[in-house]
Amino acid sequence: MKILVVDDSSTMRRIIINTLSRIGYTNVVEAEHGKAGLEKLAQGGVEMIITDWNMPEMDGLEFVGAVRGSDGSIPILMVTTNAAKEDIVSALQAGVNNYVVKPFTPETLKEKIESLLG
């Protein structure tokens, strides 16, 4: 399974990618913001997206909206510091399938991914 990780923090991308690797997902591509994420997505093969909310160029909500405009089926997990209930509601309305608040444990990430993938 090919997973796209979109986050402006290289440290956070590394943490997510290392966590994914530990739970068995090693086919991962990364992007530093939504625009770069769309470019990676256009290359094909991505089966799941993990994205941050707060990023330059194109934030997570704009990115999710763009993805949903072209592909409504790809699972999207938002990993962000935005913890307010209204933020979670906004993300879900934009098309996010699940939501993780930073900081998170590897177990939390694994559970959310497994619930997304069934």
PDB file of N, CA and C in Angstrom:
ATOM      1  N   MET A   1       0.841  -1.183   0.000  1.00  0.00           N
ATOM      2  CA  MET A   1       0.000   0.000   0.000  1.00  0.00           C
ATOM      3  C   MET A   1       0.885   1.245   0.000  1.00  0.00           C
ATOM      4  N   LYS A   2       0.602   2.173  -0.902  1.00  0.00           N
ATOM      5  CA  LYS A   2       1.366   3.412  -1.006  1.00  0.00           C
ATOM      6  C   LYS A   2       0.634   4.521  -0.249  1.00  0.00           C
ATOM      7  N   ILE A   3       1.353   5.137   0.702  1.00  0.00           N
ATOM      8  CA  ILE A   3       0.785   6.190   1.541  1.00  0.00           C
ATOM      9  C   ILE A   3       1.505   7.504   1.272  1.00  0.00           C
ATOM     10  N   LEU A   4       0.727   8.580   1.120  1.00  0.00           N
ATOM     11  CA  LEU A   4       1.270   9.927   0.946  1.00  0.00           C
ATOM     12  C   LEU A   4       1.185  10.659   2.278  1.00  0.00           C
ATOM     13  N   VAL A   5       2.331  11.160   2.765  1.00  0.00           N
ATOM     14  CA  VAL A   5       2.392  11.938   4.004  1.00  0.00           C
ATOM     15  C   VAL A   5       2.676  13.389   3.631  1.00  0.00           C
ATOM     16  N   VAL A   6       1.756  14.291   4.004  1.00  0.00           N
ATOM     17  CA  VAL A   6       1.881  15.704   3.677  1.00  0.00           C
ATOM     18  C   VAL A   6       1.969  16.505   4.975  1.00  0.00           C
ATOM     19  N   ASP A   7       3.120  17.116   5.221  1.00  0.00           N
ATOM     20  CA  ASP A   7       3.325  17.922   6.433  1.00  0.00           C
ATOM     21  C   ASP A   7       4.498  18.858   6.171  1.00  0.00           C
ATOM     22  N   ASP A   8       4.366  20.114   6.598  1.00  0.00           N
ATOM     23  CA  ASP A   8       5.443  21.072   6.354  1.00  0.00           C
ATOM     24  C   ASP A   8       6.645  20.841   7.270  1.00  0.00           C
ATOM     25  N   SER A   9       6.471  20.092   8.352  1.00  0.00           N
ATOM     26  CA  SER A   9       7.569  19.800   9.264  1.00  0.00           C
ATOM     27  C   SER A   9       8.265  18.507   8.848  1.00  0.00           C
ATOM     28  N   SER A  10       9.538  18.629   8.464  1.00  0.00           N
ATOM     29  CA  SER A  10      10.281  17.429   8.067  1.00  0.00           C
ATOM     30  C   SER A  10      10.405  16.473   9.248  1.00  0.00           C
ATOM     31  N   THR A  11      10.488  17.019  10.462  1.00  0.00           N
ATOM     32  CA  THR A  11      10.568  16.181  11.663  1.00  0.00           C
ATOM     33  C   THR A  11       9.286  15.370  11.837  1.00  0.00           C
ATOM     34  N   MET A  12       8.142  16.020  11.665  1.00  0.00           N
ATOM     35  CA  MET A  12       6.865  15.307  11.809  1.00  0.00           C
ATOM     36  C   MET A  12       6.690  14.274  10.701  1.00  0.00           C
ATOM     37  N   ARG A  13       7.103  14.608   9.479  1.00  0.00           N
ATOM     38  CA  ARG A  13       7.042  13.611   8.401  1.00  0.00           C
ATOM     39  C   ARG A  13       7.872  12.394   8.765  1.00  0.00           C
ATOM     40  N   ARG A  14       9.062  12.637   9.307  1.00  0.00           N
ATOM     41  CA  ARG A  14       9.953  11.541   9.686  1.00  0.00           C
ATOM     42  C   ARG A  14       9.305  10.678  10.779  1.00  0.00           C
ATOM     43  N   ILE A  15       8.695  11.324  11.781  1.00  0.00           N
ATOM     44  CA  ILE A  15       8.032  10.589  12.872  1.00  0.00           C
ATOM     45  C   ILE A  15       6.907   9.716  12.302  1.00  0.00           C
ATOM     46  N   ILE A  16       6.094  10.291  11.431  1.00  0.00           N
ATOM     47  CA  ILE A  16       4.977   9.541  10.846  1.00  0.00           C
ATOM     48  C   ILE A  16       5.493   8.388   9.989  1.00  0.00           C
ATOM     49  N   ILE A  17       6.496   8.669   9.161  1.00  0.00           N
ATOM     50  CA  ILE A  17       7.048   7.639   8.279  1.00  0.00           C
ATOM     51  C   ILE A  17       7.685   6.511   9.094  1.00  0.00           C
ATOM     52  N   ASN A  18       8.418   6.862  10.159  1.00  0.00           N
ATOM     53  CA  ASN A  18       9.029   5.837  11.021  1.00  0.00           C
ATOM     54  C   ASN A  18       7.955   5.001  11.708  1.00  0.00           C
ATOM     55  N   THR A  19       6.888   5.659  12.161  1.00  0.00           N
ATOM     56  CA  THR A  19       5.782   4.944  12.805  1.00  0.00           C
ATOM     57  C   THR A  19       5.115   4.007  11.800  1.00  0.00           C
ATOM     58  N   LEU A  20       4.865   4.508  10.587  1.00  0.00           N
ATOM     59  CA  LEU A  20       4.269   3.669   9.544  1.00  0.00           C
ATOM     60  C   LEU A  20       5.141   2.448   9.270  1.00  0.00           C
ATOM     61  N   SER A  21       6.445   2.660   9.201  1.00  0.00           N
ATOM     62  CA  SER A  21       7.374   1.578   8.928  1.00  0.00           C
ATOM     63  C   SER A  21       7.296   0.510  10.026  1.00  0.00           C
ATOM     64  N   ARG A  22       7.223   0.958  11.283  1.00  0.00           N
ATOM     65  CA  ARG A  22       7.149   0.022  12.416  1.00  0.00           C
ATOM     66  C   ARG A  22       5.871  -0.814  12.394  1.00  0.00           C
ATOM     67  N   ILE A  23       4.806  -0.286  11.796  1.00  0.00           N
ATOM     68  CA  ILE A  23       3.554  -1.052  11.766  1.00  0.00           C
ATOM     69  C   ILE A  23       3.333  -1.716  10.398  1.00  0.00           C
ATOM     70  N   GLY A  24       4.375  -1.704   9.564  1.00  0.00           N
ATOM     71  CA  GLY A  24       4.341  -2.499   8.346  1.00  0.00           C
ATOM     72  C   GLY A  24       4.069  -1.773   7.047  1.00  0.00           C
ATOM     73  N   TYR A  25       4.010  -0.432   7.085  1.00  0.00           N
ATOM     74  CA  TYR A  25       3.775   0.328   5.848  1.00  0.00           C
ATOM     75  C   TYR A  25       5.067   1.022   5.443  1.00  0.00           C
ATOM     76  N   THR A  26       5.699   0.485   4.399  1.00  0.00           N
ATOM     77  CA  THR A  26       7.011   1.010   4.007  1.00  0.00           C
ATOM     78  C   THR A  26       6.999   1.746   2.670  1.00  0.00           C
ATOM     79  N   ASN A  27       5.903   1.656   1.930  1.00  0.00           N
ATOM     80  CA  ASN A  27       5.817   2.337   0.640  1.00  0.00           C
ATOM     81  C   ASN A  27       5.189   3.718   0.882  1.00  0.00           C
ATOM     82  N   VAL A  28       6.039   4.693   1.200  1.00  0.00           N
ATOM     83  CA  VAL A  28       5.565   6.021   1.598  1.00  0.00           C
ATOM     84  C   VAL A  28       6.244   7.091   0.752  1.00  0.00           C
ATOM     85  N   VAL A  29       5.442   8.042   0.272  1.00  0.00           N
ATOM     86  CA  VAL A  29       5.979   9.227  -0.388  1.00  0.00           C
ATOM     87  C   VAL A  29       5.605  10.418   0.473  1.00  0.00           C
ATOM     88  N   GLU A  30       6.390  11.498   0.388  1.00  0.00           N
ATOM     89  CA  GLU A  30       6.140  12.641   1.253  1.00  0.00           C
ATOM     90  C   GLU A  30       6.125  13.949   0.471  1.00  0.00           C
ATOM     91  N   ALA A  31       5.407  14.919   1.050  1.00  0.00           N
ATOM     92  CA  ALA A  31       5.314  16.250   0.453  1.00  0.00           C
ATOM     93  C   ALA A  31       5.274  17.270   1.580  1.00  0.00           C
ATOM     94  N   GLU A  32       5.797  18.481   1.305  1.00  0.00           N
ATOM     95  CA  GLU A  32       5.932  19.501   2.362  1.00  0.00           C
ATOM     96  C   GLU A  32       4.745  20.457   2.469  1.00  0.00           C
ATOM     97  N   HIS A  33       3.809  20.374   1.523  1.00  0.00           N
ATOM     98  CA  HIS A  33       2.581  21.179   1.600  1.00  0.00           C
ATOM     99  C   HIS A  33       1.575  20.620   0.600  1.00  0.00           C
ATOM    100  N   GLY A  34       0.368  21.158   0.639  1.00  0.00           N
ATOM    101  CA  GLY A  34      -0.708  20.633  -0.186  1.00  0.00           C
ATOM    102  C   GLY A  34      -0.437  20.624  -1.676  1.00  0.00           C
ATOM    103  N   LYS A  35       0.171  21.705  -2.191  1.00  0.00           N
ATOM    104  CA  LYS A  35       0.454  21.759  -3.637  1.00  0.00           C
ATOM    105  C   LYS A  35       1.393  20.630  -4.042  1.00  0.00           C
ATOM    106  N   ALA A  36       2.440  20.426  -3.247  1.00  0.00           N
ATOM    107  CA  ALA A  36       3.378  19.329  -3.523  1.00  0.00           C
ATOM    108  C   ALA A  36       2.671  17.987  -3.358  1.00  0.00           C
ATOM    109  N   GLY A  37       1.745  17.922  -2.405  1.00  0.00           N
ATOM    110  CA  GLY A  37       0.970  16.701  -2.205  1.00  0.00           C
ATOM    111  C   GLY A  37       0.134  16.354  -3.420  1.00  0.00           C
ATOM    112  N   LEU A  38      -0.480  17.365  -4.026  1.00  0.00           N
ATOM    113  CA  LEU A  38      -1.278  17.131  -5.239  1.00  0.00           C
ATOM    114  C   LEU A  38      -0.403  16.631  -6.383  1.00  0.00           C
ATOM    115  N   GLU A  39       0.828  17.164  -6.467  1.00  0.00           N
ATOM    116  CA  GLU A  39       1.763  16.711  -7.505  1.00  0.00           C
ATOM    117  C   GLU A  39       2.105  15.233  -7.305  1.00  0.00           C
ATOM    118  N   LYS A  40       2.374  14.849  -6.049  1.00  0.00           N
ATOM    119  CA  LYS A  40       2.700  13.442  -5.745  1.00  0.00           C
ATOM    120  C   LYS A  40       1.492  12.551  -6.046  1.00  0.00           C
ATOM    121  N   LEU A  41       0.308  13.035  -5.697  1.00  0.00           N
ATOM    122  CA  LEU A  41      -0.923  12.278  -5.931  1.00  0.00           C
ATOM    123  C   LEU A  41      -1.140  12.046  -7.429  1.00  0.00           C
ATOM    124  N   ALA A  42      -0.817  13.058  -8.219  1.00  0.00           N
ATOM    125  CA  ALA A  42      -1.002  12.977  -9.671  1.00  0.00           C
ATOM    126  C   ALA A  42      -0.084  11.927 -10.298  1.00  0.00           C
ATOM    127  N   GLN A  43       0.999  11.574  -9.620  1.00  0.00           N
ATOM    128  CA  GLN A  43       1.915  10.555 -10.139  1.00  0.00           C
ATOM    129  C   GLN A  43       1.305   9.160 -10.044  1.00  0.00           C
ATOM    130  N   GLY A  44       0.238   9.037  -9.265  1.00  0.00           N
ATOM    131  CA  GLY A  44      -0.514   7.791  -9.207  1.00  0.00           C
ATOM    132  C   GLY A  44      -0.063   6.813  -8.148  1.00  0.00           C
ATOM    133  N   GLY A  45      -0.948   5.873  -7.875  1.00  0.00           N
ATOM    134  CA  GLY A  45      -0.629   4.767  -6.977  1.00  0.00           C
ATOM    135  C   GLY A  45      -0.894   5.001  -5.506  1.00  0.00           C
ATOM    136  N   VAL A  46      -1.178   6.241  -5.103  1.00  0.00           N
ATOM    137  CA  VAL A  46      -1.390   6.527  -3.681  1.00  0.00           C
ATOM    138  C   VAL A  46      -2.735   5.935  -3.255  1.00  0.00           C
ATOM    139  N   GLU A  47      -2.705   5.170  -2.159  1.00  0.00           N
ATOM    140  CA  GLU A  47      -3.915   4.496  -1.682  1.00  0.00           C
ATOM    141  C   GLU A  47      -4.435   5.068  -0.366  1.00  0.00           C
ATOM    142  N   MET A  48      -3.639   5.929   0.274  1.00  0.00           N
ATOM    143  CA  MET A  48      -4.068   6.577   1.510  1.00  0.00           C
ATOM    144  C   MET A  48      -3.248   7.849   1.703  1.00  0.00           C
ATOM    145  N   ILE A  49      -3.872   8.859   2.341  1.00  0.00           N
ATOM    146  CA  ILE A  49      -3.190  10.130   2.595  1.00  0.00           C
ATOM    147  C   ILE A  49      -3.225  10.427   4.082  1.00  0.00           C
ATOM    148  N   ILE A  50      -2.077  10.862   4.599  1.00  0.00           N
ATOM    149  CA  ILE A  50      -1.990  11.407   5.954  1.00  0.00           C
ATOM    150  C   ILE A  50      -1.523  12.843   5.784  1.00  0.00           C
ATOM    151  N   THR A  51      -2.329  13.807   6.240  1.00  0.00           N
ATOM    152  CA  THR A  51      -1.981  15.213   6.027  1.00  0.00           C
ATOM    153  C   THR A  51      -2.106  16.045   7.292  1.00  0.00           C
ATOM    154  N   ASP A  52      -1.271  17.054   7.364  1.00  0.00           N
ATOM    155  CA  ASP A  52      -1.342  18.073   8.398  1.00  0.00           C
ATOM    156  C   ASP A  52      -2.397  19.091   7.969  1.00  0.00           C
ATOM    157  N   TRP A  53      -2.790  19.965   8.883  1.00  0.00           N
ATOM    158  CA  TRP A  53      -3.735  21.035   8.566  1.00  0.00           C
ATOM    159  C   TRP A  53      -2.967  22.313   8.234  1.00  0.00           C
ATOM    160  N   ASN A  54      -2.105  22.738   9.159  1.00  0.00           N
ATOM    161  CA  ASN A  54      -1.429  24.039   9.065  1.00  0.00           C
ATOM    162  C   ASN A  54      -0.130  23.926   8.272  1.00  0.00           C
ATOM    163  N   MET A  55      -0.190  24.390   7.016  1.00  0.00           N
ATOM    164  CA  MET A  55       0.978  24.344   6.128  1.00  0.00           C
ATOM    165  C   MET A  55       0.969  25.567   5.225  1.00  0.00           C
ATOM    166  N   PRO A  56       2.154  25.976   4.744  1.00  0.00           N
ATOM    167  CA  PRO A  56       2.212  27.079   3.772  1.00  0.00           C
ATOM    168  C   PRO A  56       1.750  26.599   2.394  1.00  0.00           C
ATOM    169  N   GLU A  57       1.642  27.520   1.461  1.00  0.00           N
ATOM    170  CA  GLU A  57       1.289  27.245   0.060  1.00  0.00           C
ATOM    171  C   GLU A  57      -0.165  26.799  -0.104  1.00  0.00           C
ATOM    172  N   MET A  58      -0.503  25.663   0.519  1.00  0.00           N
ATOM    173  CA  MET A  58      -1.870  25.139   0.483  1.00  0.00           C
ATOM    174  C   MET A  58      -2.068  24.348   1.766  1.00  0.00           C
ATOM    175  N   ASP A  59      -3.007  24.804   2.614  1.00  0.00           N
ATOM    176  CA  ASP A  59      -3.175  24.118   3.895  1.00  0.00           C
ATOM    177  C   ASP A  59      -3.924  22.796   3.720  1.00  0.00           C
ATOM    178  N   GLY A  60      -4.037  22.063   4.804  1.00  0.00           N
ATOM    179  CA  GLY A  60      -4.629  20.735   4.774  1.00  0.00           C
ATOM    180  C   GLY A  60      -6.077  20.712   4.312  1.00  0.00           C
ATOM    181  N   LEU A  61      -6.873  21.690   4.743  1.00  0.00           N
ATOM    182  CA  LEU A  61      -8.280  21.712   4.327  1.00  0.00           C
ATOM    183  C   LEU A  61      -8.414  21.976   2.831  1.00  0.00           C
ATOM    184  N   GLU A  62      -7.596  22.906   2.315  1.00  0.00           N
ATOM    185  CA  GLU A  62      -7.613  23.176   0.872  1.00  0.00           C
ATOM    186  C   GLU A  62      -7.166  21.931   0.097  1.00  0.00           C
ATOM    187  N   PHE A  63      -6.134  21.276   0.625  1.00  0.00           N
ATOM    188  CA  PHE A  63      -5.613  20.059   0.008  1.00  0.00           C
ATOM    189  C   PHE A  63      -6.688  18.975  -0.030  1.00  0.00           C
ATOM    190  N   VAL A  64      -7.353  18.760   1.108  1.00  0.00           N
ATOM    191  CA  VAL A  64      -8.410  17.748   1.180  1.00  0.00           C
ATOM    192  C   VAL A  64      -9.532  18.081   0.197  1.00  0.00           C
ATOM    193  N   GLY A  65      -9.902  19.363   0.123  1.00  0.00           N
ATOM    194  CA  GLY A  65     -10.937  19.783  -0.822  1.00  0.00           C
ATOM    195  C   GLY A  65     -10.549  19.484  -2.259  1.00  0.00           C
ATOM    196  N   ALA A  66      -9.287  19.740  -2.593  1.00  0.00           N
ATOM    197  CA  ALA A  66      -8.794  19.476  -3.950  1.00  0.00           C
ATOM    198  C   ALA A  66      -8.792  17.972  -4.244  1.00  0.00           C
ATOM    199  N   VAL A  67      -8.364  17.176  -3.263  1.00  0.00           N
ATOM    200  CA  VAL A  67      -8.351  15.719  -3.442  1.00  0.00           C
ATOM    201  C   VAL A  67      -9.781  15.210  -3.619  1.00  0.00           C
ATOM    202  N   ARG A  68     -10.686  15.680  -2.786  1.00  0.00           N
ATOM    203  CA  ARG A  68     -12.086  15.225  -2.851  1.00  0.00           C
ATOM    204  C   ARG A  68     -12.753  15.658  -4.159  1.00  0.00           C
ATOM    205  N   GLY A  69     -12.268  16.742  -4.753  1.00  0.00           N
ATOM    206  CA  GLY A  69     -12.808  17.180  -6.034  1.00  0.00           C
ATOM    207  C   GLY A  69     -12.490  16.213  -7.159  1.00  0.00           C
ATOM    208  N   SER A  70     -11.407  15.440  -6.984  1.00  0.00           N
ATOM    209  CA  SER A  70     -11.003  14.519  -8.046  1.00  0.00           C
ATOM    210  C   SER A  70     -11.116  13.049  -7.645  1.00  0.00           C
ATOM    211  N   ASP A  71     -11.056  12.756  -6.344  1.00  0.00           N
ATOM    212  CA  ASP A  71     -11.106  11.361  -5.887  1.00  0.00           C
ATOM    213  C   ASP A  71     -11.797  11.297  -4.536  1.00  0.00           C
ATOM    214  N   GLY A  72     -13.031  10.873  -4.544  1.00  0.00           N
ATOM    215  CA  GLY A  72     -13.789  10.819  -3.304  1.00  0.00           C
ATOM    216  C   GLY A  72     -13.542   9.587  -2.478  1.00  0.00           C
ATOM    217  N   SER A  73     -12.797   8.621  -3.017  1.00  0.00           N
ATOM    218  CA  SER A  73     -12.692   7.328  -2.345  1.00  0.00           C
ATOM    219  C   SER A  73     -11.418   7.131  -1.528  1.00  0.00           C
ATOM    220  N   ILE A  74     -10.377   7.895  -1.802  1.00  0.00           N
ATOM    221  CA  ILE A  74      -9.100   7.669  -1.113  1.00  0.00           C
ATOM    222  C   ILE A  74      -9.224   8.057   0.366  1.00  0.00           C
ATOM    223  N   PRO A  75      -8.821   7.152   1.277  1.00  0.00           N
ATOM    224  CA  PRO A  75      -8.912   7.479   2.708  1.00  0.00           C
ATOM    225  C   PRO A  75      -7.932   8.593   3.084  1.00  0.00           C
ATOM    226  N   ILE A  76      -8.417   9.553   3.872  1.00  0.00           N
ATOM    227  CA  ILE A  76      -7.576  10.666   4.314  1.00  0.00           C
ATOM    228  C   ILE A  76      -7.618  10.751   5.837  1.00  0.00           C
ATOM    229  N   LEU A  77      -6.425  10.733   6.435  1.00  0.00           N
ATOM    230  CA  LEU A  77      -6.263  10.894   7.878  1.00  0.00           C
ATOM    231  C   LEU A  77      -5.589  12.237   8.124  1.00  0.00           C
ATOM    232  N   MET A  78      -6.219  13.098   8.909  1.00  0.00           N
ATOM    233  CA  MET A  78      -5.608  14.382   9.245  1.00  0.00           C
ATOM    234  C   MET A  78      -4.913  14.260  10.599  1.00  0.00           C
ATOM    235  N   VAL A  79      -3.631  14.651  10.630  1.00  0.00           N
ATOM    236  CA  VAL A  79      -2.832  14.633  11.852  1.00  0.00           C
ATOM    237  C   VAL A  79      -2.430  16.079  12.116  1.00  0.00           C
ATOM    238  N   THR A  80      -2.963  16.676  13.193  1.00  0.00           N
ATOM    239  CA  THR A  80      -2.791  18.110  13.385  1.00  0.00           C
ATOM    240  C   THR A  80      -2.809  18.499  14.860  1.00  0.00           C
ATOM    241  N   THR A  81      -2.379  19.721  15.131  1.00  0.00           N
ATOM    242  CA  THR A  81      -2.456  20.255  16.492  1.00  0.00           C
ATOM    243  C   THR A  81      -3.825  20.879  16.765  1.00  0.00           C
ATOM    244  N   ASN A  82      -4.630  21.065  15.725  1.00  0.00           N
ATOM    245  CA  ASN A  82      -5.967  21.661  15.889  1.00  0.00           C
ATOM    246  C   ASN A  82      -6.870  20.673  16.608  1.00  0.00           C
ATOM    247  N   ALA A  83      -7.158  20.948  17.879  1.00  0.00           N
ATOM    248  CA  ALA A  83      -7.882  19.988  18.705  1.00  0.00           C
ATOM    249  C   ALA A  83      -9.307  20.417  19.041  1.00  0.00           C
ATOM    250  N   ALA A  84      -9.687  21.638  18.670  1.00  0.00           N
ATOM    251  CA  ALA A  84     -11.026  22.129  19.017  1.00  0.00           C
ATOM    252  C   ALA A  84     -12.089  21.327  18.265  1.00  0.00           C
ATOM    253  N   LYS A  85     -13.217  21.121  18.929  1.00  0.00           N
ATOM    254  CA  LYS A  85     -14.292  20.327  18.337  1.00  0.00           C
ATOM    255  C   LYS A  85     -14.724  20.887  16.977  1.00  0.00           C
ATOM    256  N   GLU A  86     -14.810  22.220  16.882  1.00  0.00           N
ATOM    257  CA  GLU A  86     -15.242  22.822  15.609  1.00  0.00           C
ATOM    258  C   GLU A  86     -14.218  22.588  14.494  1.00  0.00           C
ATOM    259  N   ASP A  87     -12.923  22.480  14.856  1.00  0.00           N
ATOM    260  CA  ASP A  87     -11.896  22.168  13.857  1.00  0.00           C
ATOM    261  C   ASP A  87     -12.093  20.748  13.330  1.00  0.00           C
ATOM    262  N   ILE A  88     -12.366  19.825  14.233  1.00  0.00           N
ATOM    263  CA  ILE A  88     -12.581  18.430  13.836  1.00  0.00           C
ATOM    264  C   ILE A  88     -13.796  18.344  12.916  1.00  0.00           C
ATOM    265  N   VAL A  89     -14.865  19.045  13.282  1.00  0.00           N
ATOM    266  CA  VAL A  89     -16.077  19.065  12.459  1.00  0.00           C
ATOM    267  C   VAL A  89     -15.775  19.646  11.075  1.00  0.00           C
ATOM    268  N   SER A  90     -15.019  20.747  11.032  1.00  0.00           N
ATOM    269  CA  SER A  90     -14.649  21.366   9.746  1.00  0.00           C
ATOM    270  C   SER A  90     -13.866  20.391   8.869  1.00  0.00           C
ATOM    271  N   ALA A  91     -12.924  19.680   9.475  1.00  0.00           N
ATOM    272  CA  ALA A  91     -12.104  18.723   8.727  1.00  0.00           C
ATOM    273  C   ALA A  91     -12.960  17.592   8.182  1.00  0.00           C
ATOM    274  N   LEU A  92     -13.856  17.074   9.004  1.00  0.00           N
ATOM    275  CA  LEU A  92     -14.731  15.989   8.561  1.00  0.00           C
ATOM    276  C   LEU A  92     -15.653  16.458   7.438  1.00  0.00           C
ATOM    277  N   GLN A  93     -16.159  17.692   7.556  1.00  0.00           N
ATOM    278  CA  GLN A  93     -17.017  18.243   6.506  1.00  0.00           C
ATOM    279  C   GLN A  93     -16.239  18.442   5.203  1.00  0.00           C
ATOM    280  N   ALA A  94     -14.943  18.741   5.320  1.00  0.00           N
ATOM    281  CA  ALA A  94     -14.103  18.928   4.128  1.00  0.00           C
ATOM    282  C   ALA A  94     -13.831  17.606   3.412  1.00  0.00           C
ATOM    283  N   GLY A  95     -13.998  16.495   4.141  1.00  0.00           N
ATOM    284  CA  GLY A  95     -13.799  15.194   3.502  1.00  0.00           C
ATOM    285  C   GLY A  95     -12.773  14.299   4.157  1.00  0.00           C
ATOM    286  N   VAL A  96     -12.255  14.705   5.331  1.00  0.00           N
ATOM    287  CA  VAL A  96     -11.314  13.866   6.060  1.00  0.00           C
ATOM    288  C   VAL A  96     -12.072  12.663   6.622  1.00  0.00           C
ATOM    289  N   ASN A  97     -11.467  11.482   6.559  1.00  0.00           N
ATOM    290  CA  ASN A  97     -12.120  10.270   7.067  1.00  0.00           C
ATOM    291  C   ASN A  97     -11.872  10.044   8.551  1.00  0.00           C
ATOM    292  N   ASN A  98     -10.717  10.510   9.048  1.00  0.00           N
ATOM    293  CA  ASN A  98     -10.402  10.352  10.458  1.00  0.00           C
ATOM    294  C   ASN A  98      -9.410  11.434  10.862  1.00  0.00           C
ATOM    295  N   TYR A  99      -9.181  11.576  12.165  1.00  0.00           N
ATOM    296  CA  TYR A  99      -8.504  12.738  12.711  1.00  0.00           C
ATOM    297  C   TYR A  99      -7.644  12.320  13.894  1.00  0.00           C
ATOM    298  N   VAL A 100      -6.386  12.754  13.921  1.00  0.00           N
ATOM    299  CA  VAL A 100      -5.486  12.489  15.044  1.00  0.00           C
ATOM    300  C   VAL A 100      -4.906  13.822  15.499  1.00  0.00           C
ATOM    301  N   VAL A 101      -4.940  14.056  16.805  1.00  0.00           N
ATOM    302  CA  VAL A 101      -4.373  15.286  17.353  1.00  0.00           C
ATOM    303  C   VAL A 101      -2.935  15.025  17.804  1.00  0.00           C
ATOM    304  N   LYS A 102      -2.023  15.916  17.391  1.00  0.00           N
ATOM    305  CA  LYS A 102      -0.619  15.848  17.831  1.00  0.00           C
ATOM    306  C   LYS A 102      -0.533  16.371  19.264  1.00  0.00           C
ATOM    307  N   PRO A 103       0.352  15.842  20.077  1.00  0.00           N
ATOM    308  CA  PRO A 103       1.198  14.665  19.818  1.00  0.00           C
ATOM    309  C   PRO A 103       0.363  13.388  19.922  1.00  0.00           C
ATOM    310  N   PHE A 104       0.811  12.354  19.238  1.00  0.00           N
ATOM    311  CA  PHE A 104       0.083  11.086  19.217  1.00  0.00           C
ATOM    312  C   PHE A 104       1.054   9.955  19.503  1.00  0.00           C
ATOM    313  N   THR A 105       0.518   8.804  19.881  1.00  0.00           N
ATOM    314  CA  THR A 105       1.354   7.622  20.085  1.00  0.00           C
ATOM    315  C   THR A 105       1.315   6.769  18.816  1.00  0.00           C
ATOM    316  N   PRO A 106       2.317   5.935  18.627  1.00  0.00           N
ATOM    317  CA  PRO A 106       2.282   5.020  17.478  1.00  0.00           C
ATOM    318  C   PRO A 106       1.013   4.155  17.494  1.00  0.00           C
ATOM    319  N   GLU A 107       0.566   3.773  18.692  1.00  0.00           N
ATOM    320  CA  GLU A 107      -0.637   2.945  18.817  1.00  0.00           C
ATOM    321  C   GLU A 107      -1.864   3.691  18.285  1.00  0.00           C
ATOM    322  N   THR A 108      -1.964   4.984  18.615  1.00  0.00           N
ATOM    323  CA  THR A 108      -3.095   5.783  18.140  1.00  0.00           C
ATOM    324  C   THR A 108      -3.090   5.850  16.624  1.00  0.00           C
ATOM    325  N   LEU A 109      -1.913   6.128  16.039  1.00  0.00           N
ATOM    326  CA  LEU A 109      -1.814   6.212  14.582  1.00  0.00           C
ATOM    327  C   LEU A 109      -2.204   4.879  13.948  1.00  0.00           C
ATOM    328  N   LYS A 110      -1.702   3.785  14.518  1.00  0.00           N
ATOM    329  CA  LYS A 110      -2.011   2.457  13.996  1.00  0.00           C
ATOM    330  C   LYS A 110      -3.516   2.193  14.051  1.00  0.00           C
ATOM    331  N   GLU A 111      -4.142   2.504  15.174  1.00  0.00           N
ATOM    332  CA  GLU A 111      -5.590   2.286  15.321  1.00  0.00           C
ATOM    333  C   GLU A 111      -6.384   3.080  14.283  1.00  0.00           C
ATOM    334  N   LYS A 112      -6.011   4.349  14.098  1.00  0.00           N
ATOM    335  CA  LYS A 112      -6.742   5.196  13.148  1.00  0.00           C
ATOM    336  C   LYS A 112      -6.580   4.670  11.724  1.00  0.00           C
ATOM    337  N   ILE A 113      -5.371   4.250  11.370  1.00  0.00           N
ATOM    338  CA  ILE A 113      -5.122   3.712  10.029  1.00  0.00           C
ATOM    339  C   ILE A 113      -5.916   2.428   9.815  1.00  0.00           C
ATOM    340  N   GLU A 114      -5.886   1.547  10.803  1.00  0.00           N
ATOM    341  CA  GLU A 114      -6.612   0.281  10.678  1.00  0.00           C
ATOM    342  C   GLU A 114      -8.117   0.516  10.571  1.00  0.00           C
ATOM    343  N   SER A 115      -8.633   1.508  11.298  1.00  0.00           N
ATOM    344  CA  SER A 115     -10.063   1.795  11.212  1.00  0.00           C
ATOM    345  C   SER A 115     -10.421   2.381   9.838  1.00  0.00           C
ATOM    346  N   LEU A 116      -9.476   3.128   9.250  1.00  0.00           N
ATOM    347  CA  LEU A 116      -9.692   3.677   7.905  1.00  0.00           C
ATOM    348  C   LEU A 116      -9.723   2.589   6.841  1.00  0.00           C
ATOM    349  N   LEU A 117      -8.825   1.645   6.996  1.00  0.00           N
ATOM    350  CA  LEU A 117      -8.644   0.623   5.967  1.00  0.00           C
ATOM    351  C   LEU A 117      -9.562  -0.576   6.182  1.00  0.00           C
ATOM    352  N   GLY A 118     -10.258  -0.590   7.316  1.00  0.00           N
ATOM    353  CA  GLY A 118     -11.184  -1.692   7.607  1.00  0.00           C
ATOM    354  C   GLY A 118     -10.432  -2.900   8.047  1.00  0.00           C
TER     355      GLY A 118
END
